[in-house]
């Protein structure tokens, strides 16, 4: 009886597999119409709804103008459907915005400019083809102009707090020059001199009336798109739980005012490894810290236990570290 049952089961399995193979073979070779039918049934994309009222840094966006609407629609569409990139930026924002926001407030720069860091680098310590570096993407010469140290051992373009301070000063200088935060954003992308020349040539300082190179023309619409998506991600198909967000790492500050000839050995001495030391202090750019001038540097050292994700998640429950309730985290309701 068992042998007969096994035989029948094997027989059925063989014919099932053959049927599937024949069906797919027929579909591939003889039935493009059926294949396209499956494509139409399972592929879905919807046009993104653009809000009728949009602002950035207190300035109203003229969405009713057709070419402005279409520029904004482009950035909403790209960032809504570029799921992996937008999702990762939303997660990283929870770690880095609590550092950026108080510095913007201190310098009286509108809070919306935190999204500039988001679109500049994706909130990573990226390096552009032109050599701009860090979350705020400063070029070497501009970084030095705004008092950031750039050397073989130290590059403060990668120091988030100091680079944010420099970005605030740049934006305030641009706002003073052009009288508009939108124009200040454009100047951050293109440079103050290029925007000054464009204003003189085109006889307007209204960002939306200017003919600019594509990158700068897309810059403010991209800022607006990321701001809107961040403020209500569930409305654009992004559903994150608090535990999905990247948590801030609790650290202790360590003052260093001498040369460190061997940073890997220094890390081991403090119960770390070199990678973690560099991860939390990305402005360190070599295996040593040459400090003959006895300058005071502050290293961030992780508090005990907080290299473990499970320990970080405990902080959510304890509510000891601010996490982004304001991100508009949403969980979709189950459907039946």
C-alpha atoms as a PDB file:
ATOM      1  CA  UNK A   1       0.000   0.000   0.000  1.00  0.00           C
ATOM      2  CA  UNK A   2       2.781   2.456   0.898  1.00  0.00           C
ATOM      3  CA  UNK A   3       4.680   1.607  -2.291  1.00  0.00           C
ATOM      4  CA  UNK A   4       1.585   2.195  -4.420  1.00  0.00           C
ATOM      5  CA  UNK A   5       0.902   5.508  -2.656  1.00  0.00           C
ATOM      6  CA  UNK A   6       4.503   6.573  -3.215  1.00  0.00           C
ATOM      7  CA  UNK A   7       4.269   5.641  -6.893  1.00  0.00           C
ATOM      8  CA  UNK A   8       1.084   7.627  -7.405  1.00  0.00           C
ATOM      9  CA  UNK A   9       2.472  10.658  -5.590  1.00  0.00           C
ATOM     10  CA  UNK A  10       5.642  10.563  -7.671  1.00  0.00           C
ATOM     11  CA  UNK A  11       3.541  10.231 -10.846  1.00  0.00           C
ATOM     12  CA  UNK A  12       1.438  13.260  -9.903  1.00  0.00           C
ATOM     13  CA  UNK A  13       4.513  15.317  -8.983  1.00  0.00           C
ATOM     14  CA  UNK A  14       6.265  14.554 -12.283  1.00  0.00           C
ATOM     15  CA  UNK A  15       3.239  15.552 -14.353  1.00  0.00           C
ATOM     16  CA  UNK A  16       2.697  18.702 -12.290  1.00  0.00           C
ATOM     17  CA  UNK A  17       6.283  19.833 -12.862  1.00  0.00           C
ATOM     18  CA  UNK A  18       6.028  18.988 -16.559  1.00  0.00           C
ATOM     19  CA  UNK A  19       2.805  20.956 -16.780  1.00  0.00           C
ATOM     20  CA  UNK A  20       4.404  24.031 -15.217  1.00  0.00           C
ATOM     21  CA  UNK A  21       7.419  23.776 -17.516  1.00  0.00           C
ATOM     22  CA  UNK A  22       5.224  23.381 -20.593  1.00  0.00           C
ATOM     23  CA  UNK A  23       2.995  26.271 -19.486  1.00  0.00           C
ATOM     24  CA  UNK A  24       5.927  28.637 -18.962  1.00  0.00           C
ATOM     25  CA  UNK A  25       7.570  27.458 -22.163  1.00  0.00           C
ATOM     26  CA  UNK A  26       4.355  28.117 -24.041  1.00  0.00           C
ATOM     27  CA  UNK A  27       4.041  31.495 -22.332  1.00  0.00           C
ATOM     28  CA  UNK A  28       7.611  32.478 -23.218  1.00  0.00           C
ATOM     29  CA  UNK A  29       7.510  31.230 -26.797  1.00  0.00           C
ATOM     30  CA  UNK A  30       3.928  31.460 -27.993  1.00  0.00           C
ATOM     31  CA  UNK A  31       1.915  33.787 -25.774  1.00  0.00           C
ATOM     32  CA  UNK A  32       3.278  37.303 -25.414  1.00  0.00           C
ATOM     33  CA  UNK A  33      -0.327  38.422 -24.980  1.00  0.00           C
ATOM     34  CA  UNK A  34      -0.774  36.252 -21.880  1.00  0.00           C
ATOM     35  CA  UNK A  35       2.545  37.420 -20.457  1.00  0.00           C
ATOM     36  CA  UNK A  36       1.603  41.055 -21.012  1.00  0.00           C
ATOM     37  CA  UNK A  37      -1.708  40.309 -19.335  1.00  0.00           C
ATOM     38  CA  UNK A  38       0.176  39.242 -16.206  1.00  0.00           C
ATOM     39  CA  UNK A  39       2.269  42.411 -16.398  1.00  0.00           C
ATOM     40  CA  UNK A  40      -0.844  44.606 -16.513  1.00  0.00           C
ATOM     41  CA  UNK A  41      -2.423  42.728 -13.617  1.00  0.00           C
ATOM     42  CA  UNK A  42       0.553  42.900 -11.267  1.00  0.00           C
ATOM     43  CA  UNK A  43       2.372  46.118 -12.180  1.00  0.00           C
ATOM     44  CA  UNK A  44       0.944  49.208 -10.486  1.00  0.00           C
ATOM     45  CA  UNK A  45       2.130  52.810 -10.360  1.00  0.00           C
ATOM     46  CA  UNK A  46       0.055  55.851  -9.447  1.00  0.00           C
ATOM     47  CA  UNK A  47       0.703  59.519 -10.043  1.00  0.00           C
ATOM     48  CA  UNK A  48       1.731  61.220  -6.801  1.00  0.00           C
ATOM     49  CA  UNK A  49      -0.748  63.725  -5.390  1.00  0.00           C
ATOM     50  CA  UNK A  50       0.947  67.124  -5.048  1.00  0.00           C
ATOM     51  CA  UNK A  51      -0.399  69.290  -2.196  1.00  0.00           C
ATOM     52  CA  UNK A  52      -2.047  72.513  -3.342  1.00  0.00           C
ATOM     53  CA  UNK A  53      -0.180  74.498  -0.674  1.00  0.00           C
ATOM     54  CA  UNK A  54       3.568  74.079  -0.246  1.00  0.00           C
ATOM     55  CA  UNK A  55       6.070  76.213   1.668  1.00  0.00           C
ATOM     56  CA  UNK A  56       9.757  76.100   2.415  1.00  0.00           C
ATOM     57  CA  UNK A  57      11.435  78.183   5.136  1.00  0.00           C
ATOM     58  CA  UNK A  58       8.307  80.322   5.368  1.00  0.00           C
ATOM     59  CA  UNK A  59       8.221  81.088   1.636  1.00  0.00           C
ATOM     60  CA  UNK A  60       5.220  80.014  -0.443  1.00  0.00           C
ATOM     61  CA  UNK A  61       5.791  77.867  -3.515  1.00  0.00           C
ATOM     62  CA  UNK A  62       3.747  78.960  -6.601  1.00  0.00           C
ATOM     63  CA  UNK A  63       2.506  75.449  -7.395  1.00  0.00           C
ATOM     64  CA  UNK A  64      -0.196  76.794  -9.735  1.00  0.00           C
ATOM     65  CA  UNK A  65       2.463  77.744 -12.274  1.00  0.00           C
ATOM     66  CA  UNK A  66       2.608  74.837 -14.745  1.00  0.00           C
ATOM     67  CA  UNK A  67       6.392  74.553 -15.076  1.00  0.00           C
ATOM     68  CA  UNK A  68       6.898  74.822 -11.325  1.00  0.00           C
ATOM     69  CA  UNK A  69       4.219  72.180 -10.749  1.00  0.00           C
ATOM     70  CA  UNK A  70       5.910  69.854 -13.243  1.00  0.00           C
ATOM     71  CA  UNK A  71       9.353  70.400 -11.670  1.00  0.00           C
ATOM     72  CA  UNK A  72       7.949  69.569  -8.233  1.00  0.00           C
ATOM     73  CA  UNK A  73       5.978  66.621  -9.630  1.00  0.00           C
ATOM     74  CA  UNK A  74       9.231  65.195 -11.008  1.00  0.00           C
ATOM     75  CA  UNK A  75      10.926  65.252  -7.602  1.00  0.00           C
ATOM     76  CA  UNK A  76       7.891  63.873  -5.775  1.00  0.00           C
ATOM     77  CA  UNK A  77       7.671  61.024  -8.296  1.00  0.00           C
ATOM     78  CA  UNK A  78      11.370  60.160  -8.125  1.00  0.00           C
ATOM     79  CA  UNK A  79      11.610  60.224  -4.341  1.00  0.00           C
ATOM     80  CA  UNK A  80       8.301  58.422  -3.795  1.00  0.00           C
ATOM     81  CA  UNK A  81       9.211  55.555  -6.100  1.00  0.00           C
ATOM     82  CA  UNK A  82      12.947  55.411  -5.312  1.00  0.00           C
ATOM     83  CA  UNK A  83      11.939  53.353  -2.311  1.00  0.00           C
ATOM     84  CA  UNK A  84      15.298  52.150  -1.019  1.00  0.00           C
ATOM     85  CA  UNK A  85      16.950  55.576  -1.087  1.00  0.00           C
ATOM     86  CA  UNK A  86      14.080  57.461   0.546  1.00  0.00           C
ATOM     87  CA  UNK A  87      13.499  54.743   3.133  1.00  0.00           C
ATOM     88  CA  UNK A  88      17.156  54.830   4.223  1.00  0.00           C
ATOM     89  CA  UNK A  89      17.132  58.625   4.480  1.00  0.00           C
ATOM     90  CA  UNK A  90      14.070  58.478   6.729  1.00  0.00           C
ATOM     91  CA  UNK A  91      15.863  55.983   8.974  1.00  0.00           C
ATOM     92  CA  UNK A  92      19.104  57.996   9.139  1.00  0.00           C
ATOM     93  CA  UNK A  93      17.251  61.236   9.859  1.00  0.00           C
ATOM     94  CA  UNK A  94      16.291  59.885  13.276  1.00  0.00           C
ATOM     95  CA  UNK A  95      19.979  59.699  14.209  1.00  0.00           C
ATOM     96  CA  UNK A  96      21.247  62.929  12.687  1.00  0.00           C
ATOM     97  CA  UNK A  97      18.388  65.450  12.803  1.00  0.00           C
ATOM     98  CA  UNK A  98      18.565  65.706  16.637  1.00  0.00           C
ATOM     99  CA  UNK A  99      22.136  66.994  16.146  1.00  0.00           C
ATOM    100  CA  UNK A 100      21.328  69.304  13.232  1.00  0.00           C
ATOM    101  CA  UNK A 101      18.093  70.901  14.449  1.00  0.00           C
ATOM    102  CA  UNK A 102      19.412  72.662  17.604  1.00  0.00           C
ATOM    103  CA  UNK A 103      22.309  74.157  15.630  1.00  0.00           C
ATOM    104  CA  UNK A 104      19.932  75.549  12.994  1.00  0.00           C
ATOM    105  CA  UNK A 105      17.816  77.019  15.783  1.00  0.00           C
ATOM    106  CA  UNK A 106      20.843  78.544  17.499  1.00  0.00           C
ATOM    107  CA  UNK A 107      21.780  80.363  14.283  1.00  0.00           C
ATOM    108  CA  UNK A 108      18.163  81.343  13.482  1.00  0.00           C
ATOM    109  CA  UNK A 109      18.241  79.351  10.255  1.00  0.00           C
ATOM    110  CA  UNK A 110      14.831  77.830   9.383  1.00  0.00           C
ATOM    111  CA  UNK A 111      14.432  74.244  10.509  1.00  0.00           C
ATOM    112  CA  UNK A 112      13.507  73.241   6.941  1.00  0.00           C
ATOM    113  CA  UNK A 113      17.193  73.432   6.028  1.00  0.00           C
ATOM    114  CA  UNK A 114      17.790  70.084   7.688  1.00  0.00           C
ATOM    115  CA  UNK A 115      16.406  68.645   4.441  1.00  0.00           C
ATOM    116  CA  UNK A 116      19.259  70.290   2.588  1.00  0.00           C
ATOM    117  CA  UNK A 117      21.658  67.904   4.335  1.00  0.00           C
ATOM    118  CA  UNK A 118      19.337  65.085   3.315  1.00  0.00           C
ATOM    119  CA  UNK A 119      19.405  65.860  -0.409  1.00  0.00           C
ATOM    120  CA  UNK A 120      23.079  66.845  -0.443  1.00  0.00           C
ATOM    121  CA  UNK A 121      24.416  63.530   0.827  1.00  0.00           C
ATOM    122  CA  UNK A 122      21.560  61.222   1.766  1.00  0.00           C
ATOM    123  CA  UNK A 123      22.793  61.857   5.332  1.00  0.00           C
ATOM    124  CA  UNK A 124      26.001  59.946   4.640  1.00  0.00           C
ATOM    125  CA  UNK A 125      29.620  61.061   4.643  1.00  0.00           C
ATOM    126  CA  UNK A 126      29.706  61.012   0.875  1.00  0.00           C
ATOM    127  CA  UNK A 127      32.371  62.409  -1.456  1.00  0.00           C
ATOM    128  CA  UNK A 128      31.149  63.942  -4.719  1.00  0.00           C
ATOM    129  CA  UNK A 129      33.000  63.798  -8.066  1.00  0.00           C
ATOM    130  CA  UNK A 130      33.973  67.457  -7.515  1.00  0.00           C
ATOM    131  CA  UNK A 131      35.508  66.625  -4.112  1.00  0.00           C
ATOM    132  CA  UNK A 132      32.723  67.951  -1.884  1.00  0.00           C
ATOM    133  CA  UNK A 133      32.697  65.899   1.320  1.00  0.00           C
ATOM    134  CA  UNK A 134      30.657  65.106   4.398  1.00  0.00           C
ATOM    135  CA  UNK A 135      26.959  65.256   5.138  1.00  0.00           C
ATOM    136  CA  UNK A 136      26.870  68.956   4.189  1.00  0.00           C
ATOM    137  CA  UNK A 137      29.079  68.445   1.097  1.00  0.00           C
ATOM    138  CA  UNK A 138      31.616  71.233   1.529  1.00  0.00           C
ATOM    139  CA  UNK A 139      34.365  71.756  -1.025  1.00  0.00           C
ATOM    140  CA  UNK A 140      37.857  72.077   0.433  1.00  0.00           C
ATOM    141  CA  UNK A 141      38.168  75.818  -0.288  1.00  0.00           C
ATOM    142  CA  UNK A 142      34.705  76.675   1.088  1.00  0.00           C
ATOM    143  CA  UNK A 143      35.294  74.589   4.205  1.00  0.00           C
ATOM    144  CA  UNK A 144      38.480  76.532   4.975  1.00  0.00           C
ATOM    145  CA  UNK A 145      36.712  79.836   4.267  1.00  0.00           C
ATOM    146  CA  UNK A 146      34.201  78.915   6.980  1.00  0.00           C
ATOM    147  CA  UNK A 147      36.908  77.878   9.465  1.00  0.00           C
ATOM    148  CA  UNK A 148      36.737  74.107   9.122  1.00  0.00           C
ATOM    149  CA  UNK A 149      40.064  72.320   9.484  1.00  0.00           C
ATOM    150  CA  UNK A 150      41.033  70.228   6.461  1.00  0.00           C
ATOM    151  CA  UNK A 151      44.336  68.350   6.716  1.00  0.00           C
ATOM    152  CA  UNK A 152      45.795  64.897   6.206  1.00  0.00           C
ATOM    153  CA  UNK A 153      44.772  63.788   9.718  1.00  0.00           C
ATOM    154  CA  UNK A 154      41.673  65.911  10.390  1.00  0.00           C
ATOM    155  CA  UNK A 155      38.861  66.892   8.055  1.00  0.00           C
ATOM    156  CA  UNK A 156      36.064  68.731   9.845  1.00  0.00           C
ATOM    157  CA  UNK A 157      33.787  68.516   6.815  1.00  0.00           C
ATOM    158  CA  UNK A 158      33.026  65.097   8.335  1.00  0.00           C
ATOM    159  CA  UNK A 159      32.378  66.565  11.797  1.00  0.00           C
ATOM    160  CA  UNK A 160      28.606  66.890  11.770  1.00  0.00           C
ATOM    161  CA  UNK A 161      28.265  69.564  14.455  1.00  0.00           C
ATOM    162  CA  UNK A 162      31.057  71.773  13.117  1.00  0.00           C
ATOM    163  CA  UNK A 163      29.995  71.313   9.498  1.00  0.00           C
ATOM    164  CA  UNK A 164      26.412  72.226  10.438  1.00  0.00           C
ATOM    165  CA  UNK A 165      27.704  75.399  12.097  1.00  0.00           C
ATOM    166  CA  UNK A 166      29.572  76.260   8.891  1.00  0.00           C
ATOM    167  CA  UNK A 167      26.509  75.498   6.756  1.00  0.00           C
ATOM    168  CA  UNK A 168      24.425  77.855   8.893  1.00  0.00           C
ATOM    169  CA  UNK A 169      26.925  80.663   8.390  1.00  0.00           C
ATOM    170  CA  UNK A 170      26.988  80.069   4.630  1.00  0.00           C
ATOM    171  CA  UNK A 171      23.199  80.082   4.411  1.00  0.00           C
ATOM    172  CA  UNK A 172      22.898  83.240   6.506  1.00  0.00           C
ATOM    173  CA  UNK A 173      25.496  84.997   4.322  1.00  0.00           C
ATOM    174  CA  UNK A 174      23.521  83.971   1.229  1.00  0.00           C
ATOM    175  CA  UNK A 175      20.207  85.052   2.742  1.00  0.00           C
ATOM    176  CA  UNK A 176      21.673  88.447   3.573  1.00  0.00           C
ATOM    177  CA  UNK A 177      22.977  88.738   0.014  1.00  0.00           C
ATOM    178  CA  UNK A 178      19.797  87.690  -1.827  1.00  0.00           C
ATOM    179  CA  UNK A 179      17.012  88.382   0.675  1.00  0.00           C
ATOM    180  CA  UNK A 180      15.408  84.967   0.235  1.00  0.00           C
ATOM    181  CA  UNK A 181      15.880  81.567   1.862  1.00  0.00           C
ATOM    182  CA  UNK A 182      15.010  79.847  -1.420  1.00  0.00           C
ATOM    183  CA  UNK A 183      17.786  81.797  -3.117  1.00  0.00           C
ATOM    184  CA  UNK A 184      20.097  80.904  -0.234  1.00  0.00           C
ATOM    185  CA  UNK A 185      19.361  77.242  -0.963  1.00  0.00           C
ATOM    186  CA  UNK A 186      20.133  77.789  -4.650  1.00  0.00           C
ATOM    187  CA  UNK A 187      23.394  79.491  -3.704  1.00  0.00           C
ATOM    188  CA  UNK A 188      24.327  76.526  -1.515  1.00  0.00           C
ATOM    189  CA  UNK A 189      24.108  74.341  -4.592  1.00  0.00           C
ATOM    190  CA  UNK A 190      25.554  76.616  -7.264  1.00  0.00           C
ATOM    191  CA  UNK A 191      27.710  78.984  -5.238  1.00  0.00           C
ATOM    192  CA  UNK A 192      27.054  82.602  -4.318  1.00  0.00           C
ATOM    193  CA  UNK A 193      28.998  84.008  -7.284  1.00  0.00           C
ATOM    194  CA  UNK A 194      27.020  82.056  -9.894  1.00  0.00           C
ATOM    195  CA  UNK A 195      23.714  83.049  -8.370  1.00  0.00           C
ATOM    196  CA  UNK A 196      24.832  86.681  -8.080  1.00  0.00           C
ATOM    197  CA  UNK A 197      25.710  86.656 -11.791  1.00  0.00           C
ATOM    198  CA  UNK A 198      22.398  85.013 -12.694  1.00  0.00           C
ATOM    199  CA  UNK A 199      20.517  87.694 -10.735  1.00  0.00           C
ATOM    200  CA  UNK A 200      22.371  90.458 -12.562  1.00  0.00           C
ATOM    201  CA  UNK A 201      21.951  88.859 -16.010  1.00  0.00           C
ATOM    202  CA  UNK A 202      18.292  87.883 -15.620  1.00  0.00           C
ATOM    203  CA  UNK A 203      17.220  90.958 -13.646  1.00  0.00           C
ATOM    204  CA  UNK A 204      15.359  89.010 -10.957  1.00  0.00           C
ATOM    205  CA  UNK A 205      16.148  87.463  -7.607  1.00  0.00           C
ATOM    206  CA  UNK A 206      13.062  85.235  -7.629  1.00  0.00           C
ATOM    207  CA  UNK A 207      14.244  81.605  -7.741  1.00  0.00           C
ATOM    208  CA  UNK A 208      11.184  80.452  -9.690  1.00  0.00           C
ATOM    209  CA  UNK A 209      11.627  83.115 -12.380  1.00  0.00           C
ATOM    210  CA  UNK A 210      15.240  82.214 -13.094  1.00  0.00           C
ATOM    211  CA  UNK A 211      16.681  80.018 -15.831  1.00  0.00           C
ATOM    212  CA  UNK A 212      19.300  77.947 -13.993  1.00  0.00           C
ATOM    213  CA  UNK A 213      21.358  74.879 -14.811  1.00  0.00           C
ATOM    214  CA  UNK A 214      19.381  71.667 -14.329  1.00  0.00           C
ATOM    215  CA  UNK A 215      20.980  70.669 -11.027  1.00  0.00           C
ATOM    216  CA  UNK A 216      20.171  74.017  -9.402  1.00  0.00           C
ATOM    217  CA  UNK A 217      16.737  74.203 -11.038  1.00  0.00           C
ATOM    218  CA  UNK A 218      15.888  70.837  -9.457  1.00  0.00           C
ATOM    219  CA  UNK A 219      17.409  71.679  -6.073  1.00  0.00           C
ATOM    220  CA  UNK A 220      14.542  73.513  -4.386  1.00  0.00           C
ATOM    221  CA  UNK A 221      11.822  71.194  -5.794  1.00  0.00           C
ATOM    222  CA  UNK A 222      13.817  68.271  -4.389  1.00  0.00           C
ATOM    223  CA  UNK A 223      14.021  69.998  -0.998  1.00  0.00           C
ATOM    224  CA  UNK A 224      10.265  70.535  -1.025  1.00  0.00           C
ATOM    225  CA  UNK A 225       9.593  66.910  -1.986  1.00  0.00           C
ATOM    226  CA  UNK A 226      11.793  65.488   0.771  1.00  0.00           C
ATOM    227  CA  UNK A 227      10.318  67.838   3.365  1.00  0.00           C
ATOM    228  CA  UNK A 228       6.766  66.829   2.446  1.00  0.00           C
ATOM    229  CA  UNK A 229       7.507  63.103   2.350  1.00  0.00           C
ATOM    230  CA  UNK A 230       9.387  63.238   5.674  1.00  0.00           C
ATOM    231  CA  UNK A 231       6.560  65.073   7.414  1.00  0.00           C
ATOM    232  CA  UNK A 232       3.975  62.475   6.371  1.00  0.00           C
ATOM    233  CA  UNK A 233       5.728  59.354   5.037  1.00  0.00           C
ATOM    234  CA  UNK A 234       2.670  57.148   5.330  1.00  0.00           C
ATOM    235  CA  UNK A 235       0.908  59.390   2.812  1.00  0.00           C
ATOM    236  CA  UNK A 236       3.584  58.445   0.264  1.00  0.00           C
ATOM    237  CA  UNK A 237       3.742  54.737   0.988  1.00  0.00           C
ATOM    238  CA  UNK A 238       6.533  54.641   3.580  1.00  0.00           C
ATOM    239  CA  UNK A 239       5.591  52.805   6.765  1.00  0.00           C
ATOM    240  CA  UNK A 240       8.230  52.685   9.511  1.00  0.00           C
ATOM    241  CA  UNK A 241       8.067  51.460  13.065  1.00  0.00           C
ATOM    242  CA  UNK A 242      10.088  53.260  15.703  1.00  0.00           C
ATOM    243  CA  UNK A 243      12.382  50.260  16.021  1.00  0.00           C
ATOM    244  CA  UNK A 244      13.161  50.506  12.285  1.00  0.00           C
ATOM    245  CA  UNK A 245      14.743  53.939  12.698  1.00  0.00           C
ATOM    246  CA  UNK A 246      18.477  54.306  13.297  1.00  0.00           C
ATOM    247  CA  UNK A 247      18.889  55.386  16.886  1.00  0.00           C
ATOM    248  CA  UNK A 248      21.343  58.041  18.129  1.00  0.00           C
ATOM    249  CA  UNK A 249      24.386  56.421  19.759  1.00  0.00           C
ATOM    250  CA  UNK A 250      24.896  57.516  23.400  1.00  0.00           C
ATOM    251  CA  UNK A 251      28.501  58.665  23.811  1.00  0.00           C
ATOM    252  CA  UNK A 252      30.907  60.185  26.292  1.00  0.00           C
ATOM    253  CA  UNK A 253      33.146  63.047  25.220  1.00  0.00           C
ATOM    254  CA  UNK A 254      36.904  62.727  25.598  1.00  0.00           C
ATOM    255  CA  UNK A 255      39.144  65.790  25.316  1.00  0.00           C
ATOM    256  CA  UNK A 256      42.422  65.185  23.480  1.00  0.00           C
ATOM    257  CA  UNK A 257      45.097  67.892  23.189  1.00  0.00           C
ATOM    258  CA  UNK A 258      48.171  65.836  22.353  1.00  0.00           C
ATOM    259  CA  UNK A 259      49.421  63.851  19.383  1.00  0.00           C
ATOM    260  CA  UNK A 260      48.145  60.270  19.064  1.00  0.00           C
ATOM    261  CA  UNK A 261      50.640  58.324  16.977  1.00  0.00           C
ATOM    262  CA  UNK A 262      48.601  55.117  16.741  1.00  0.00           C
ATOM    263  CA  UNK A 263      44.813  55.489  16.706  1.00  0.00           C
ATOM    264  CA  UNK A 264      44.106  51.734  16.411  1.00  0.00           C
ATOM    265  CA  UNK A 265      46.168  51.158  19.584  1.00  0.00           C
ATOM    266  CA  UNK A 266      44.419  54.111  21.228  1.00  0.00           C
ATOM    267  CA  UNK A 267      41.041  52.539  20.402  1.00  0.00           C
ATOM    268  CA  UNK A 268      42.024  49.174  21.890  1.00  0.00           C
ATOM    269  CA  UNK A 269      43.248  50.907  25.030  1.00  0.00           C
ATOM    270  CA  UNK A 270      39.769  52.371  25.457  1.00  0.00           C
ATOM    271  CA  UNK A 271      38.029  49.024  24.850  1.00  0.00           C
ATOM    272  CA  UNK A 272      37.068  49.856  21.260  1.00  0.00           C
ATOM    273  CA  UNK A 273      38.250  48.957  17.812  1.00  0.00           C
ATOM    274  CA  UNK A 274      39.521  51.333  15.158  1.00  0.00           C
ATOM    275  CA  UNK A 275      36.392  51.019  13.038  1.00  0.00           C
ATOM    276  CA  UNK A 276      34.119  52.157  15.862  1.00  0.00           C
ATOM    277  CA  UNK A 277      36.451  55.042  16.686  1.00  0.00           C
ATOM    278  CA  UNK A 278      36.273  56.190  13.056  1.00  0.00           C
ATOM    279  CA  UNK A 279      32.533  55.522  12.819  1.00  0.00           C
ATOM    280  CA  UNK A 280      31.791  57.909  15.693  1.00  0.00           C
ATOM    281  CA  UNK A 281      34.565  60.368  14.784  1.00  0.00           C
ATOM    282  CA  UNK A 282      34.630  60.369  10.976  1.00  0.00           C
ATOM    283  CA  UNK A 283      36.617  63.612  10.948  1.00  0.00           C
ATOM    284  CA  UNK A 284      39.672  61.513  11.885  1.00  0.00           C
ATOM    285  CA  UNK A 285      41.163  60.764   8.476  1.00  0.00           C
ATOM    286  CA  UNK A 286      44.272  58.666   9.129  1.00  0.00           C
ATOM    287  CA  UNK A 287      45.796  56.164  11.568  1.00  0.00           C
ATOM    288  CA  UNK A 288      47.222  59.005  13.657  1.00  0.00           C
ATOM    289  CA  UNK A 289      46.348  62.441  15.020  1.00  0.00           C
ATOM    290  CA  UNK A 290      49.197  64.881  14.543  1.00  0.00           C
ATOM    291  CA  UNK A 291      48.598  67.615  17.107  1.00  0.00           C
ATOM    292  CA  UNK A 292      51.832  69.515  17.620  1.00  0.00           C
ATOM    293  CA  UNK A 293      49.832  72.722  18.068  1.00  0.00           C
ATOM    294  CA  UNK A 294      48.129  71.134  21.141  1.00  0.00           C
ATOM    295  CA  UNK A 295      44.701  71.941  19.737  1.00  0.00           C
ATOM    296  CA  UNK A 296      41.747  70.646  21.784  1.00  0.00           C
ATOM    297  CA  UNK A 297      39.829  67.918  19.958  1.00  0.00           C
ATOM    298  CA  UNK A 298      36.788  66.146  21.370  1.00  0.00           C
ATOM    299  CA  UNK A 299      36.403  62.445  20.626  1.00  0.00           C
ATOM    300  CA  UNK A 300      33.083  60.648  20.991  1.00  0.00           C
ATOM    301  CA  UNK A 301      33.391  57.308  22.798  1.00  0.00           C
ATOM    302  CA  UNK A 302      30.333  55.019  22.961  1.00  0.00           C
ATOM    303  CA  UNK A 303      28.831  54.452  26.375  1.00  0.00           C
ATOM    304  CA  UNK A 304      29.128  50.901  27.667  1.00  0.00           C
ATOM    305  CA  UNK A 305      26.796  48.451  25.976  1.00  0.00           C
ATOM    306  CA  UNK A 306      25.424  50.815  23.334  1.00  0.00           C
ATOM    307  CA  UNK A 307      27.150  49.191  20.382  1.00  0.00           C
ATOM    308  CA  UNK A 308      24.430  46.553  20.611  1.00  0.00           C
ATOM    309  CA  UNK A 309      21.247  47.302  18.689  1.00  0.00           C
ATOM    310  CA  UNK A 310      19.184  45.553  21.353  1.00  0.00           C
ATOM    311  CA  UNK A 311      20.503  48.035  23.925  1.00  0.00           C
ATOM    312  CA  UNK A 312      19.603  50.960  21.662  1.00  0.00           C
ATOM    313  CA  UNK A 313      16.080  49.641  21.227  1.00  0.00           C
ATOM    314  CA  UNK A 314      15.666  49.583  25.004  1.00  0.00           C
ATOM    315  CA  UNK A 315      16.077  53.357  24.929  1.00  0.00           C
ATOM    316  CA  UNK A 316      12.925  53.657  22.855  1.00  0.00           C
ATOM    317  CA  UNK A 317      10.930  51.956  25.583  1.00  0.00           C
ATOM    318  CA  UNK A 318      12.614  53.965  28.302  1.00  0.00           C
ATOM    319  CA  UNK A 319      12.162  57.185  26.293  1.00  0.00           C
ATOM    320  CA  UNK A 320      15.548  58.458  27.460  1.00  0.00           C
ATOM    321  CA  UNK A 321      16.673  59.444  23.966  1.00  0.00           C
ATOM    322  CA  UNK A 322      14.462  61.559  21.688  1.00  0.00           C
ATOM    323  CA  UNK A 323      13.246  59.670  18.691  1.00  0.00           C
ATOM    324  CA  UNK A 324      11.315  60.984  15.753  1.00  0.00           C
ATOM    325  CA  UNK A 325       7.676  60.945  16.776  1.00  0.00           C
ATOM    326  CA  UNK A 326       7.420  63.891  14.378  1.00  0.00           C
ATOM    327  CA  UNK A 327       8.407  61.704  11.427  1.00  0.00           C
ATOM    328  CA  UNK A 328       4.742  60.771  11.102  1.00  0.00           C
ATOM    329  CA  UNK A 329       5.404  57.074  11.524  1.00  0.00           C
ATOM    330  CA  UNK A 330       2.410  55.128  10.289  1.00  0.00           C
ATOM    331  CA  UNK A 331       1.458  51.480  10.249  1.00  0.00           C
ATOM    332  CA  UNK A 332      -1.002  50.409   7.549  1.00  0.00           C
ATOM    333  CA  UNK A 333      -4.165  48.718   8.788  1.00  0.00           C
ATOM    334  CA  UNK A 334      -4.427  45.051   7.788  1.00  0.00           C
ATOM    335  CA  UNK A 335      -6.841  44.348   4.972  1.00  0.00           C
ATOM    336  CA  UNK A 336      -9.204  41.416   4.749  1.00  0.00           C
END
